[in-house]
C-alpha atoms as a PDB file:
ATOM      1  CA  UNK A   1     -78.780 147.986  77.353  1.00  0.00           C
ATOM      2  CA  UNK A   2     -82.292 146.976  77.409  1.00  0.00           C
ATOM      3  CA  UNK A   3     -84.933 145.089  75.483  1.00  0.00           C
ATOM      4  CA  UNK A   4     -87.372 146.917  73.269  1.00  0.00           C
ATOM      5  CA  UNK A   5     -90.954 145.589  73.837  1.00  0.00           C
ATOM      6  CA  UNK A   6     -93.109 147.790  70.795  1.00  0.00           C
ATOM      7  CA  UNK A   7     -96.683 146.935  70.152  1.00  0.00           C
ATOM      8  CA  UNK A   8     -99.886 149.043  69.753  1.00  0.00           C
ATOM      9  CA  UNK A   9    -103.434 148.764  70.596  1.00  0.00           C
ATOM     10  CA  UNK A  10    -104.646 149.036  67.034  1.00  0.00           C
ATOM     11  CA  UNK A  11    -103.021 145.761  66.680  1.00  0.00           C
ATOM     12  CA  UNK A  12    -106.113 144.537  68.816  1.00  0.00           C
ATOM     13  CA  UNK A  13    -108.475 146.258  65.879  1.00  0.00           C
ATOM     14  CA  UNK A  14    -107.764 143.818  63.538  1.00  0.00           C
ATOM     15  CA  UNK A  15    -110.602 141.278  63.961  1.00  0.00           C
ATOM     16  CA  UNK A  16    -111.271 137.920  62.167  1.00  0.00           C
ATOM     17  CA  UNK A  17    -114.533 136.400  61.910  1.00  0.00           C
ATOM     18  CA  UNK A  18    -115.934 134.433  64.724  1.00  0.00           C
ATOM     19  CA  UNK A  19    -113.845 130.841  65.218  1.00  0.00           C
ATOM     20  CA  UNK A  20    -110.836 132.310  63.505  1.00  0.00           C
ATOM     21  CA  UNK A  21    -107.588 131.085  65.178  1.00  0.00           C
ATOM     22  CA  UNK A  22    -105.263 134.178  64.621  1.00  0.00           C
ATOM     23  CA  UNK A  23    -107.877 136.072  67.059  1.00  0.00           C
ATOM     24  CA  UNK A  24    -107.548 138.910  68.991  1.00  0.00           C
ATOM     25  CA  UNK A  25    -107.397 136.697  72.074  1.00  0.00           C
ATOM     26  CA  UNK A  26    -104.024 136.224  70.721  1.00  0.00           C
ATOM     27  CA  UNK A  27    -102.082 139.502  71.766  1.00  0.00           C
ATOM     28  CA  UNK A  28    -104.306 139.942  74.490  1.00  0.00           C
ATOM     29  CA  UNK A  29    -102.623 137.116  76.745  1.00  0.00           C
ATOM     30  CA  UNK A  30     -99.632 138.173  75.652  1.00  0.00           C
ATOM     31  CA  UNK A  31     -99.867 141.117  76.606  1.00  0.00           C
ATOM     32  CA  UNK A  32    -101.533 140.463  80.180  1.00  0.00           C
ATOM     33  CA  UNK A  33     -98.150 137.974  80.400  1.00  0.00           C
ATOM     34  CA  UNK A  34     -95.910 140.813  79.793  1.00  0.00           C
ATOM     35  CA  UNK A  35     -97.547 143.386  82.342  1.00  0.00           C
ATOM     36  CA  UNK A  36     -95.849 140.902  85.179  1.00  0.00           C
ATOM     37  CA  UNK A  37     -93.411 142.338  87.446  1.00  0.00           C
ATOM     38  CA  UNK A  38     -90.535 140.152  85.614  1.00  0.00           C
ATOM     39  CA  UNK A  39     -90.994 142.016  82.430  1.00  0.00           C
ATOM     40  CA  UNK A  40     -90.862 145.604  84.330  1.00  0.00           C
ATOM     41  CA  UNK A  41     -87.394 146.426  82.871  1.00  0.00           C
ATOM     42  CA  UNK A  42     -88.776 145.909  79.226  1.00  0.00           C
ATOM     43  CA  UNK A  43     -88.052 149.192  77.109  1.00  0.00           C
ATOM     44  CA  UNK A  44     -91.815 149.786  75.873  1.00  0.00           C
ATOM     45  CA  UNK A  45     -92.793 151.223  72.741  1.00  0.00           C
ATOM     46  CA  UNK A  46     -95.975 152.590  70.864  1.00  0.00           C
ATOM     47  CA  UNK A  47     -95.296 150.797  67.268  1.00  0.00           C
ATOM     48  CA  UNK A  48     -95.543 153.714  64.980  1.00  0.00           C
ATOM     49  CA  UNK A  49     -97.524 153.610  61.925  1.00  0.00           C
ATOM     50  CA  UNK A  50     -95.257 151.966  59.219  1.00  0.00           C
ATOM     51  CA  UNK A  51     -94.984 154.008  56.023  1.00  0.00           C
ATOM     52  CA  UNK A  52     -95.905 153.549  52.114  1.00  0.00           C
ATOM     53  CA  UNK A  53     -92.584 154.012  51.032  1.00  0.00           C
ATOM     54  CA  UNK A  54     -91.402 151.332  53.856  1.00  0.00           C
ATOM     55  CA  UNK A  55     -94.375 148.384  52.406  1.00  0.00           C
ATOM     56  CA  UNK A  56     -92.496 149.796  48.598  1.00  0.00           C
ATOM     57  CA  UNK A  57     -89.023 148.479  49.690  1.00  0.00           C
ATOM     58  CA  UNK A  58     -90.743 145.242  49.451  1.00  0.00           C
ATOM     59  CA  UNK A  59     -93.802 144.778  47.864  1.00  0.00           C
ATOM     60  CA  UNK A  60     -95.026 146.549  44.657  1.00  0.00           C
ATOM     61  CA  UNK A  61     -97.702 149.134  44.539  1.00  0.00           C
ATOM     62  CA  UNK A  62    -100.157 146.894  43.112  1.00  0.00           C
ATOM     63  CA  UNK A  63    -100.105 144.848  45.964  1.00  0.00           C
ATOM     64  CA  UNK A  64    -100.712 148.001  48.435  1.00  0.00           C
ATOM     65  CA  UNK A  65    -103.358 149.309  47.021  1.00  0.00           C
ATOM     66  CA  UNK A  66    -104.869 145.572  46.845  1.00  0.00           C
ATOM     67  CA  UNK A  67    -104.963 145.407  50.612  1.00  0.00           C
ATOM     68  CA  UNK A  68    -106.182 149.088  50.292  1.00  0.00           C
ATOM     69  CA  UNK A  69    -109.347 148.448  48.679  1.00  0.00           C
ATOM     70  CA  UNK A  70    -110.084 144.960  50.279  1.00  0.00           C
ATOM     71  CA  UNK A  71    -110.930 147.168  53.944  1.00  0.00           C
ATOM     72  CA  UNK A  72    -114.796 147.039  54.007  1.00  0.00           C
ATOM     73  CA  UNK A  73    -116.143 149.931  55.911  1.00  0.00           C
ATOM     74  CA  UNK A  74    -117.908 146.678  57.972  1.00  0.00           C
ATOM     75  CA  UNK A  75    -118.075 142.781  58.311  1.00  0.00           C
ATOM     76  CA  UNK A  76    -115.457 141.182  56.406  1.00  0.00           C
ATOM     77  CA  UNK A  77    -113.537 140.718  52.764  1.00  0.00           C
ATOM     78  CA  UNK A  78    -111.731 137.617  52.678  1.00  0.00           C
ATOM     79  CA  UNK A  79    -109.154 137.457  50.256  1.00  0.00           C
ATOM     80  CA  UNK A  80    -108.831 133.674  50.229  1.00  0.00           C
ATOM     81  CA  UNK A  81    -110.137 130.979  52.918  1.00  0.00           C
ATOM     82  CA  UNK A  82    -107.849 131.985  55.945  1.00  0.00           C
ATOM     83  CA  UNK A  83    -107.169 135.527  54.955  1.00  0.00           C
ATOM     84  CA  UNK A  84    -109.554 138.570  55.932  1.00  0.00           C
ATOM     85  CA  UNK A  85    -110.035 141.971  56.498  1.00  0.00           C
ATOM     86  CA  UNK A  86    -111.334 144.020  58.773  1.00  0.00           C
ATOM     87  CA  UNK A  87    -112.222 147.757  59.287  1.00  0.00           C
ATOM     88  CA  UNK A  88    -109.232 148.304  61.540  1.00  0.00           C
ATOM     89  CA  UNK A  89    -106.899 145.711  59.779  1.00  0.00           C
ATOM     90  CA  UNK A  90    -104.839 147.775  57.657  1.00  0.00           C
ATOM     91  CA  UNK A  91    -103.862 150.117  60.914  1.00  0.00           C
ATOM     92  CA  UNK A  92    -102.683 147.029  62.990  1.00  0.00           C
ATOM     93  CA  UNK A  93    -100.999 145.743  59.244  1.00  0.00           C
ATOM     94  CA  UNK A  94     -99.097 149.222  59.088  1.00  0.00           C
ATOM     95  CA  UNK A  95     -98.281 148.902  62.955  1.00  0.00           C
ATOM     96  CA  UNK A  96     -96.965 145.736  62.769  1.00  0.00           C
ATOM     97  CA  UNK A  97     -94.593 147.616  59.952  1.00  0.00           C
ATOM     98  CA  UNK A  98     -93.677 150.416  61.880  1.00  0.00           C
ATOM     99  CA  UNK A  99     -92.430 147.964  64.794  1.00  0.00           C
ATOM    100  CA  UNK A 100     -90.235 146.501  62.825  1.00  0.00           C
ATOM    101  CA  UNK A 101     -88.729 149.212  60.875  1.00  0.00           C
ATOM    102  CA  UNK A 102     -88.581 151.636  64.715  1.00  0.00           C
ATOM    103  CA  UNK A 103     -87.259 147.980  66.309  1.00  0.00           C
ATOM    104  CA  UNK A 104     -84.317 148.103  63.712  1.00  0.00           C
ATOM    105  CA  UNK A 105     -83.850 151.937  64.456  1.00  0.00           C
ATOM    106  CA  UNK A 106     -83.787 151.505  68.180  1.00  0.00           C
ATOM    107  CA  UNK A 107     -81.105 148.432  68.073  1.00  0.00           C
ATOM    108  CA  UNK A 108     -79.008 150.025  65.289  1.00  0.00           C
ATOM    109  CA  UNK A 109     -78.424 153.356  67.464  1.00  0.00           C
ATOM    110  CA  UNK A 110     -77.518 151.021  70.530  1.00  0.00           C
ATOM    111  CA  UNK A 111     -80.635 152.511  72.384  1.00  0.00           C
ATOM    112  CA  UNK A 112     -81.828 148.972  72.635  1.00  0.00           C
ATOM    113  CA  UNK A 113     -79.382 145.578  72.867  1.00  0.00           C
ATOM    114  CA  UNK A 114     -82.847 144.164  70.914  1.00  0.00           C
ATOM    115  CA  UNK A 115     -86.233 143.995  70.296  1.00  0.00           C
ATOM    116  CA  UNK A 116     -89.729 142.142  70.661  1.00  0.00           C
ATOM    117  CA  UNK A 117     -92.149 143.343  68.318  1.00  0.00           C
ATOM    118  CA  UNK A 118     -95.834 141.961  69.777  1.00  0.00           C
ATOM    119  CA  UNK A 119     -97.792 142.917  66.573  1.00  0.00           C
ATOM    120  CA  UNK A 120    -100.796 141.058  64.394  1.00  0.00           C
ATOM    121  CA  UNK A 121    -101.361 140.853  61.911  1.00  0.00           C
ATOM    122  CA  UNK A 122     -98.220 138.575  61.100  1.00  0.00           C
ATOM    123  CA  UNK A 123     -96.287 138.715  57.975  1.00  0.00           C
ATOM    124  CA  UNK A 124     -93.846 135.336  57.130  1.00  0.00           C
ATOM    125  CA  UNK A 125     -97.045 134.375  54.749  1.00  0.00           C
ATOM    126  CA  UNK A 126     -97.471 137.204  52.306  1.00  0.00           C
ATOM    127  CA  UNK A 127     -95.376 136.759  49.303  1.00  0.00           C
ATOM    128  CA  UNK A 128     -94.965 139.963  46.955  1.00  0.00           C
ATOM    129  CA  UNK A 129     -98.064 140.169  45.007  1.00  0.00           C
ATOM    130  CA  UNK A 130    -100.164 138.049  47.250  1.00  0.00           C
ATOM    131  CA  UNK A 131    -101.815 137.896  50.722  1.00  0.00           C
ATOM    132  CA  UNK A 132    -102.572 134.944  52.472  1.00  0.00           C
ATOM    133  CA  UNK A 133    -101.890 132.731  55.357  1.00  0.00           C
ATOM    134  CA  UNK A 134    -103.439 135.566  57.883  1.00  0.00           C
ATOM    135  CA  UNK A 135    -100.727 137.968  56.174  1.00  0.00           C
ATOM    136  CA  UNK A 136    -100.532 140.783  54.112  1.00  0.00           C
ATOM    137  CA  UNK A 137     -97.239 142.360  54.214  1.00  0.00           C
ATOM    138  CA  UNK A 138     -93.734 140.753  54.967  1.00  0.00           C
ATOM    139  CA  UNK A 139     -92.998 142.619  58.542  1.00  0.00           C
ATOM    140  CA  UNK A 140     -89.803 141.211  59.046  1.00  0.00           C
ATOM    141  CA  UNK A 141     -88.605 141.377  55.768  1.00  0.00           C
ATOM    142  CA  UNK A 142     -89.706 145.311  55.608  1.00  0.00           C
ATOM    143  CA  UNK A 143     -87.480 145.440  58.358  1.00  0.00           C
ATOM    144  CA  UNK A 144     -84.188 143.648  57.470  1.00  0.00           C
ATOM    145  CA  UNK A 145     -84.362 145.919  54.044  1.00  0.00           C
ATOM    146  CA  UNK A 146     -84.768 148.980  56.307  1.00  0.00           C
ATOM    147  CA  UNK A 147     -81.308 147.844  58.151  1.00  0.00           C
ATOM    148  CA  UNK A 148     -79.825 147.403  54.943  1.00  0.00           C
ATOM    149  CA  UNK A 149     -81.185 150.613  53.129  1.00  0.00           C
ATOM    150  CA  UNK A 150     -81.069 152.858  55.790  1.00  0.00           C
ATOM    151  CA  UNK A 151     -78.527 151.603  57.908  1.00  0.00           C
ATOM    152  CA  UNK A 152     -76.132 150.764  55.465  1.00  0.00           C
ATOM    153  CA  UNK A 153     -75.327 147.015  56.395  1.00  0.00           C
ATOM    154  CA  UNK A 154     -74.345 144.599  53.724  1.00  0.00           C
ATOM    155  CA  UNK A 155     -75.681 141.337  55.359  1.00  0.00           C
ATOM    156  CA  UNK A 156     -78.651 140.090  57.382  1.00  0.00           C
ATOM    157  CA  UNK A 157     -79.944 137.184  58.311  1.00  0.00           C
ATOM    158  CA  UNK A 158     -83.650 135.513  59.072  1.00  0.00           C
ATOM    159  CA  UNK A 159     -84.389 132.718  60.960  1.00  0.00           C
ATOM    160  CA  UNK A 160     -88.002 131.417  61.112  1.00  0.00           C
ATOM    161  CA  UNK A 161     -88.865 128.641  63.950  1.00  0.00           C
ATOM    162  CA  UNK A 162     -92.500 129.221  63.125  1.00  0.00           C
ATOM    163  CA  UNK A 163     -94.456 125.915  62.122  1.00  0.00           C
ATOM    164  CA  UNK A 164     -95.472 126.398  58.940  1.00  0.00           C
ATOM    165  CA  UNK A 165     -93.026 127.365  56.503  1.00  0.00           C
ATOM    166  CA  UNK A 166     -92.299 131.221  55.654  1.00  0.00           C
ATOM    167  CA  UNK A 167     -93.384 130.964  52.201  1.00  0.00           C
ATOM    168  CA  UNK A 168     -93.588 134.718  52.026  1.00  0.00           C
ATOM    169  CA  UNK A 169     -90.456 135.534  53.045  1.00  0.00           C
ATOM    170  CA  UNK A 170     -88.386 133.239  50.609  1.00  0.00           C
ATOM    171  CA  UNK A 171     -90.563 134.348  48.152  1.00  0.00           C
ATOM    172  CA  UNK A 172     -89.606 138.140  48.997  1.00  0.00           C
ATOM    173  CA  UNK A 173     -85.959 137.311  49.360  1.00  0.00           C
ATOM    174  CA  UNK A 174     -85.671 134.757  47.035  1.00  0.00           C
ATOM    175  CA  UNK A 175     -83.299 136.962  44.621  1.00  0.00           C
ATOM    176  CA  UNK A 176     -81.465 139.111  47.229  1.00  0.00           C
ATOM    177  CA  UNK A 177     -78.133 137.549  48.224  1.00  0.00           C
ATOM    178  CA  UNK A 178     -77.506 140.047  51.263  1.00  0.00           C
ATOM    179  CA  UNK A 179     -80.284 138.076  53.137  1.00  0.00           C
ATOM    180  CA  UNK A 180     -80.109 135.102  54.664  1.00  0.00           C
ATOM    181  CA  UNK A 181     -83.402 133.091  55.266  1.00  0.00           C
ATOM    182  CA  UNK A 182     -83.146 129.793  57.264  1.00  0.00           C
ATOM    183  CA  UNK A 183     -86.636 128.085  57.964  1.00  0.00           C
ATOM    184  CA  UNK A 184     -87.671 125.009  60.485  1.00  0.00           C
ATOM    185  CA  UNK A 185     -91.100 123.841  59.625  1.00  0.00           C
ATOM    186  CA  UNK A 186     -93.061 121.003  60.110  1.00  0.00           C
ATOM    187  CA  UNK A 187     -93.497 119.027  56.584  1.00  0.00           C
ATOM    188  CA  UNK A 188     -96.335 118.305  55.473  1.00  0.00           C
ATOM    189  CA  UNK A 189     -98.026 120.903  56.326  1.00  0.00           C
ATOM    190  CA  UNK A 190     -99.721 124.523  54.842  1.00  0.00           C
ATOM    191  CA  UNK A 191     -98.633 125.496  52.626  1.00  0.00           C
ATOM    192  CA  UNK A 192     -96.799 123.233  50.970  1.00  0.00           C
ATOM    193  CA  UNK A 193     -93.462 124.783  50.085  1.00  0.00           C
ATOM    194  CA  UNK A 194     -90.318 124.465  52.639  1.00  0.00           C
ATOM    195  CA  UNK A 195     -88.962 121.459  50.764  1.00  0.00           C
ATOM    196  CA  UNK A 196     -84.719 121.108  51.234  1.00  0.00           C
ATOM    197  CA  UNK A 197     -84.332 121.693  47.648  1.00  0.00           C
ATOM    198  CA  UNK A 198     -85.565 124.920  47.603  1.00  0.00           C
ATOM    199  CA  UNK A 199     -82.354 127.292  48.171  1.00  0.00           C
ATOM    200  CA  UNK A 200     -82.953 131.078  46.322  1.00  0.00           C
ATOM    201  CA  UNK A 201     -81.563 132.311  43.458  1.00  0.00           C
ATOM    202  CA  UNK A 202     -78.259 132.673  45.598  1.00  0.00           C
ATOM    203  CA  UNK A 203     -77.996 129.957  47.995  1.00  0.00           C
ATOM    204  CA  UNK A 204     -79.158 132.063  50.520  1.00  0.00           C
ATOM    205  CA  UNK A 205     -82.271 130.365  51.820  1.00  0.00           C
ATOM    206  CA  UNK A 206     -81.987 127.096  53.786  1.00  0.00           C
ATOM    207  CA  UNK A 207     -85.308 125.203  54.806  1.00  0.00           C
ATOM    208  CA  UNK A 208     -85.324 122.653  57.278  1.00  0.00           C
ATOM    209  CA  UNK A 209     -88.311 120.284  56.790  1.00  0.00           C
ATOM    210  CA  UNK A 210     -89.040 118.602  60.270  1.00  0.00           C
ATOM    211  CA  UNK A 211     -91.352 115.482  60.185  1.00  0.00           C
ATOM    212  CA  UNK A 212     -94.680 115.280  62.271  1.00  0.00           C
ATOM    213  CA  UNK A 213     -93.937 114.562  66.326  1.00  0.00           C
ATOM    214  CA  UNK A 214     -90.469 116.006  65.769  1.00  0.00           C
ATOM    215  CA  UNK A 215     -89.370 117.622  69.306  1.00  0.00           C
ATOM    216  CA  UNK A 216     -87.000 120.002  71.078  1.00  0.00           C
ATOM    217  CA  UNK A 217     -84.151 117.564  70.403  1.00  0.00           C
ATOM    218  CA  UNK A 218     -84.782 117.538  66.660  1.00  0.00           C
ATOM    219  CA  UNK A 219     -84.988 121.453  66.771  1.00  0.00           C
ATOM    220  CA  UNK A 220     -81.364 121.595  68.505  1.00  0.00           C
ATOM    221  CA  UNK A 221     -80.175 118.973  65.649  1.00  0.00           C
ATOM    222  CA  UNK A 222     -81.313 121.829  63.444  1.00  0.00           C
ATOM    223  CA  UNK A 223     -79.896 124.411  65.206  1.00  0.00           C
ATOM    224  CA  UNK A 224     -76.287 122.703  65.314  1.00  0.00           C
ATOM    225  CA  UNK A 225     -76.160 121.089  62.305  1.00  0.00           C
ATOM    226  CA  UNK A 226     -77.647 123.399  59.897  1.00  0.00           C
ATOM    227  CA  UNK A 227     -78.468 126.569  60.977  1.00  0.00           C
ATOM    228  CA  UNK A 228     -75.637 127.725  63.056  1.00  0.00           C
ATOM    229  CA  UNK A 229     -72.999 126.861  60.141  1.00  0.00           C
ATOM    230  CA  UNK A 230     -75.350 128.192  57.566  1.00  0.00           C
ATOM    231  CA  UNK A 231     -75.366 131.580  59.641  1.00  0.00           C
ATOM    232  CA  UNK A 232     -71.360 131.359  60.453  1.00  0.00           C
ATOM    233  CA  UNK A 233     -71.289 131.201  56.577  1.00  0.00           C
ATOM    234  CA  UNK A 234     -72.922 134.306  55.639  1.00  0.00           C
ATOM    235  CA  UNK A 235     -71.621 136.572  58.506  1.00  0.00           C
ATOM    236  CA  UNK A 236     -74.790 138.739  58.779  1.00  0.00           C
ATOM    237  CA  UNK A 237     -74.361 141.743  60.770  1.00  0.00           C
ATOM    238  CA  UNK A 238     -78.146 141.653  61.973  1.00  0.00           C
ATOM    239  CA  UNK A 239     -80.373 138.882  63.325  1.00  0.00           C
ATOM    240  CA  UNK A 240     -83.864 138.668  62.713  1.00  0.00           C
ATOM    241  CA  UNK A 241     -86.038 136.355  64.411  1.00  0.00           C
ATOM    242  CA  UNK A 242     -89.943 135.246  63.028  1.00  0.00           C
ATOM    243  CA  UNK A 243     -90.877 133.999  65.948  1.00  0.00           C
ATOM    244  CA  UNK A 244     -93.956 131.744  65.779  1.00  0.00           C
ATOM    245  CA  UNK A 245     -94.968 129.878  68.896  1.00  0.00           C
ATOM    246  CA  UNK A 246     -97.162 127.253  66.850  1.00  0.00           C
ATOM    247  CA  UNK A 247     -94.650 124.327  66.916  1.00  0.00           C
ATOM    248  CA  UNK A 248     -95.771 124.102  70.634  1.00  0.00           C
ATOM    249  CA  UNK A 249     -97.115 120.123  71.826  1.00  0.00           C
ATOM    250  CA  UNK A 250    -100.290 122.395  72.829  1.00  0.00           C
ATOM    251  CA  UNK A 251    -101.059 124.203  69.833  1.00  0.00           C
ATOM    252  CA  UNK A 252    -104.318 123.112  67.402  1.00  0.00           C
ATOM    253  CA  UNK A 253    -103.208 124.017  64.097  1.00  0.00           C
ATOM    254  CA  UNK A 254     -99.811 121.375  63.841  1.00  0.00           C
ATOM    255  CA  UNK A 255     -98.086 118.282  65.253  1.00  0.00           C
ATOM    256  CA  UNK A 256     -94.836 118.971  66.589  1.00  0.00           C
ATOM    257  CA  UNK A 257     -94.137 118.792  70.045  1.00  0.00           C
ATOM    258  CA  UNK A 258     -91.825 121.832  71.223  1.00  0.00           C
ATOM    259  CA  UNK A 259     -92.409 123.404  75.009  1.00  0.00           C
ATOM    260  CA  UNK A 260     -91.337 126.490  76.124  1.00  0.00           C
ATOM    261  CA  UNK A 261     -87.761 125.891  76.962  1.00  0.00           C
ATOM    262  CA  UNK A 262     -87.315 124.419  73.592  1.00  0.00           C
ATOM    263  CA  UNK A 263     -87.938 128.371  72.181  1.00  0.00           C
ATOM    264  CA  UNK A 264     -85.653 129.181  75.329  1.00  0.00           C
ATOM    265  CA  UNK A 265     -82.370 127.378  73.903  1.00  0.00           C
ATOM    266  CA  UNK A 266     -83.525 128.309  70.458  1.00  0.00           C
ATOM    267  CA  UNK A 267     -83.763 132.190  71.471  1.00  0.00           C
ATOM    268  CA  UNK A 268     -80.349 131.803  73.568  1.00  0.00           C
ATOM    269  CA  UNK A 269     -78.122 130.350  70.595  1.00  0.00           C
ATOM    270  CA  UNK A 270     -78.967 133.151  68.186  1.00  0.00           C
ATOM    271  CA  UNK A 271     -78.702 135.918  70.847  1.00  0.00           C
ATOM    272  CA  UNK A 272     -75.191 133.958  71.670  1.00  0.00           C
ATOM    273  CA  UNK A 273     -74.672 134.106  67.946  1.00  0.00           C
ATOM    274  CA  UNK A 274     -75.284 137.690  67.722  1.00  0.00           C
ATOM    275  CA  UNK A 275     -73.686 139.057  70.766  1.00  0.00           C
ATOM    276  CA  UNK A 276     -70.610 137.130  69.063  1.00  0.00           C
ATOM    277  CA  UNK A 277     -70.958 138.022  65.830  1.00  0.00           C
ATOM    278  CA  UNK A 278     -73.909 141.137  65.325  1.00  0.00           C
ATOM    279  CA  UNK A 279     -72.658 143.189  68.213  1.00  0.00           C
ATOM    280  CA  UNK A 280     -75.718 141.790  69.837  1.00  0.00           C
ATOM    281  CA  UNK A 281     -78.457 142.992  67.409  1.00  0.00           C
ATOM    282  CA  UNK A 282     -81.301 140.981  67.130  1.00  0.00           C
ATOM    283  CA  UNK A 283     -84.907 141.915  66.094  1.00  0.00           C
ATOM    284  CA  UNK A 284     -87.656 138.973  66.821  1.00  0.00           C
ATOM    285  CA  UNK A 285     -91.423 139.371  65.721  1.00  0.00           C
ATOM    286  CA  UNK A 286     -94.431 137.674  66.789  1.00  0.00           C
ATOM    287  CA  UNK A 287     -95.738 135.014  63.735  1.00  0.00           C
ATOM    288  CA  UNK A 288     -97.996 132.152  64.651  1.00  0.00           C
ATOM    289  CA  UNK A 289     -99.288 130.638  67.856  1.00  0.00           C
ATOM    290  CA  UNK A 290    -102.679 129.419  68.194  1.00  0.00           C
ATOM    291  CA  UNK A 291    -103.176 127.943  72.161  1.00  0.00           C
ATOM    292  CA  UNK A 292    -103.615 131.159  73.723  1.00  0.00           C
ATOM    293  CA  UNK A 293    -101.659 129.719  77.428  1.00  0.00           C
ATOM    294  CA  UNK A 294     -98.589 128.551  75.147  1.00  0.00           C
ATOM    295  CA  UNK A 295     -98.374 130.597  73.474  1.00  0.00           C
ATOM    296  CA  UNK A 296     -98.184 133.699  76.153  1.00  0.00           C
ATOM    297  CA  UNK A 297     -95.890 131.486  78.103  1.00  0.00           C
ATOM    298  CA  UNK A 298     -93.863 130.732  74.892  1.00  0.00           C
ATOM    299  CA  UNK A 299     -93.383 134.662  74.455  1.00  0.00           C
ATOM    300  CA  UNK A 300     -92.536 135.232  77.859  1.00  0.00           C
ATOM    301  CA  UNK A 301     -89.800 132.363  77.581  1.00  0.00           C
ATOM    302  CA  UNK A 302     -88.492 133.937  74.457  1.00  0.00           C
ATOM    303  CA  UNK A 303     -88.541 137.705  75.879  1.00  0.00           C
ATOM    304  CA  UNK A 304     -86.961 136.410  78.956  1.00  0.00           C
ATOM    305  CA  UNK A 305     -83.805 135.219  77.192  1.00  0.00           C
ATOM    306  CA  UNK A 306     -84.287 138.342  75.023  1.00  0.00           C
ATOM    307  CA  UNK A 307     -83.759 140.802  78.136  1.00  0.00           C
ATOM    308  CA  UNK A 308     -80.858 138.392  79.893  1.00  0.00           C
ATOM    309  CA  UNK A 309     -78.860 138.836  76.833  1.00  0.00           C
ATOM    310  CA  UNK A 310     -79.582 142.747  76.688  1.00  0.00           C
END
């Protein structure tokens, strides 16, 4: 079996104002790295456009309509100080939704063992009715709900190792006991949520705040002492990963000290769990990562492990 790699040129058409860290070059650097010969075995797919129905599994119609209404004919519309919409943003966001849905279909059908969605804008800060933190829609949660609703799974888990807390994911799954959400993140840091006492309506949220300057040893400790035991207790039938690489020591937006091998180790731990408990089923989606060289190298390390496990 193989690792599916999903992306689309439309994701390059989402353009933020000059100087914004969530820039087109993020995906360009990743795609350039993925074109090297060591990734020839990837099963490559164009991410389809997601549907309104997919989005409405997770967000209300008022939120969807607000995002549609914000799209300008030219230039940018500002949703908040960090989050802008350009003429190509909506189609890019729909590709992110569609990538997650198709990735789930590929993995659930057995056409791929696991998958990586290389799309932008990211999604884990998008709350139920609020676009923020560069994000419009909760792509990973939409994929998880597709696995539950369309493929009949009973329980899934989302593991988020982005340096910023996935407040949007937490908000979207707070009342859904079928979905375990686990987040390791630097704290204090944007968006200010993610304290350990935030545990979800059904104990289905596990937050692991890390202090500034934490490193790979701290990440491994978090996995071994908290993340993997929580996964064991939840018994998910599929693993979703919010794969943010801004915990890298070179990243300009935060202060954690992870390196590529740390992301590879975490990926291997999640793949091993999926192999043991979920028939190998795992879908990973790009979130943050803003040093271009470190991002490309970290994604390469992550995808390499996915390919080794498939």
